[in-house]
């Protein structure tokens, strides 16, 4: 699957972040960069949010490696 805005191939993190912020049932997604830009976030802030979601057990992202 590719980003609906820039065409970049998506990772599990891209898809999880999009679904967490936009719509869990989405069949098309945007990359972290495009999703962050839409919500006026920096990419660093987006990654901070992803790590917090992971720590809280969100299953939309790969588990944290200890």
C-alpha atoms as a PDB file:
ATOM      1  CA  UNK A   1       0.000   0.000   0.000  1.00  0.00           C
ATOM      2  CA  UNK A   2       1.223   3.502  -0.855  1.00  0.00           C
ATOM      3  CA  UNK A   3       0.547   6.925   0.671  1.00  0.00           C
ATOM      4  CA  UNK A   4      -2.565   8.523  -0.806  1.00  0.00           C
ATOM      5  CA  UNK A   5      -0.807  11.904  -0.914  1.00  0.00           C
ATOM      6  CA  UNK A   6       2.853  11.394  -1.853  1.00  0.00           C
ATOM      7  CA  UNK A   7       2.919   7.787  -3.138  1.00  0.00           C
ATOM      8  CA  UNK A   8       5.575   6.542  -0.662  1.00  0.00           C
ATOM      9  CA  UNK A   9       5.322   2.834   0.264  1.00  0.00           C
ATOM     10  CA  UNK A  10       3.759   2.568   3.727  1.00  0.00           C
ATOM     11  CA  UNK A  11       5.120   0.786   6.797  1.00  0.00           C
ATOM     12  CA  UNK A  12       3.087  -0.676   9.662  1.00  0.00           C
ATOM     13  CA  UNK A  13       3.843   2.542  11.585  1.00  0.00           C
ATOM     14  CA  UNK A  14       2.465   4.741   8.782  1.00  0.00           C
ATOM     15  CA  UNK A  15      -0.735   2.705   8.577  1.00  0.00           C
ATOM     16  CA  UNK A  16      -1.158   2.492  12.350  1.00  0.00           C
ATOM     17  CA  UNK A  17      -0.669   6.231  12.853  1.00  0.00           C
ATOM     18  CA  UNK A  18      -3.153   7.097  10.118  1.00  0.00           C
ATOM     19  CA  UNK A  19      -5.740   4.673  11.478  1.00  0.00           C
ATOM     20  CA  UNK A  20      -5.247   5.902  15.046  1.00  0.00           C
ATOM     21  CA  UNK A  21      -5.735   9.558  14.124  1.00  0.00           C
ATOM     22  CA  UNK A  22      -8.154   9.359  11.199  1.00  0.00           C
ATOM     23  CA  UNK A  23     -10.187   6.151  10.916  1.00  0.00           C
ATOM     24  CA  UNK A  24      -9.527   2.616  12.171  1.00  0.00           C
ATOM     25  CA  UNK A  25     -11.431   1.191   9.218  1.00  0.00           C
ATOM     26  CA  UNK A  26      -9.466   3.068   6.552  1.00  0.00           C
ATOM     27  CA  UNK A  27      -8.546   1.067   3.463  1.00  0.00           C
ATOM     28  CA  UNK A  28      -6.292   3.808   2.079  1.00  0.00           C
ATOM     29  CA  UNK A  29      -3.740   5.580   4.264  1.00  0.00           C
ATOM     30  CA  UNK A  30      -1.151   8.343   4.298  1.00  0.00           C
ATOM     31  CA  UNK A  31       2.453   8.177   5.500  1.00  0.00           C
ATOM     32  CA  UNK A  32       3.496   9.616   8.855  1.00  0.00           C
ATOM     33  CA  UNK A  33       4.922  12.732   7.182  1.00  0.00           C
ATOM     34  CA  UNK A  34       1.689  13.529   5.300  1.00  0.00           C
ATOM     35  CA  UNK A  35      -0.556  12.650   8.262  1.00  0.00           C
ATOM     36  CA  UNK A  36       1.544  14.805  10.605  1.00  0.00           C
ATOM     37  CA  UNK A  37       1.470  17.680   8.124  1.00  0.00           C
ATOM     38  CA  UNK A  38      -2.341  17.443   7.915  1.00  0.00           C
ATOM     39  CA  UNK A  39      -2.625  17.693  11.715  1.00  0.00           C
ATOM     40  CA  UNK A  40       0.081  20.403  11.894  1.00  0.00           C
ATOM     41  CA  UNK A  41       2.479  18.161  13.846  1.00  0.00           C
ATOM     42  CA  UNK A  42       6.205  17.747  13.409  1.00  0.00           C
ATOM     43  CA  UNK A  43       7.422  14.273  12.475  1.00  0.00           C
ATOM     44  CA  UNK A  44       9.270  14.122  15.801  1.00  0.00           C
ATOM     45  CA  UNK A  45       6.006  14.802  17.642  1.00  0.00           C
ATOM     46  CA  UNK A  46       4.286  12.106  15.566  1.00  0.00           C
ATOM     47  CA  UNK A  47       6.933   9.552  16.612  1.00  0.00           C
ATOM     48  CA  UNK A  48       6.567  10.612  20.256  1.00  0.00           C
ATOM     49  CA  UNK A  49       2.852   9.956  19.960  1.00  0.00           C
ATOM     50  CA  UNK A  50       3.452   6.551  18.343  1.00  0.00           C
ATOM     51  CA  UNK A  51       5.790   5.507  21.162  1.00  0.00           C
ATOM     52  CA  UNK A  52       3.234   6.622  23.747  1.00  0.00           C
ATOM     53  CA  UNK A  53       0.488   4.663  21.962  1.00  0.00           C
ATOM     54  CA  UNK A  54       2.761   1.595  21.925  1.00  0.00           C
ATOM     55  CA  UNK A  55       3.533   1.941  25.651  1.00  0.00           C
ATOM     56  CA  UNK A  56      -0.200   2.103  26.316  1.00  0.00           C
ATOM     57  CA  UNK A  57      -0.676  -1.180  24.432  1.00  0.00           C
ATOM     58  CA  UNK A  58      -2.233   0.086  21.193  1.00  0.00           C
ATOM     59  CA  UNK A  59      -2.412  -2.884  18.808  1.00  0.00           C
ATOM     60  CA  UNK A  60      -2.275  -0.717  15.667  1.00  0.00           C
ATOM     61  CA  UNK A  61       1.530  -0.626  15.968  1.00  0.00           C
ATOM     62  CA  UNK A  62       4.194  -3.325  16.197  1.00  0.00           C
ATOM     63  CA  UNK A  63       5.021  -4.046  19.868  1.00  0.00           C
ATOM     64  CA  UNK A  64       7.867  -2.183  21.533  1.00  0.00           C
ATOM     65  CA  UNK A  65      11.142  -4.057  21.687  1.00  0.00           C
ATOM     66  CA  UNK A  66      12.494  -4.045  25.234  1.00  0.00           C
END
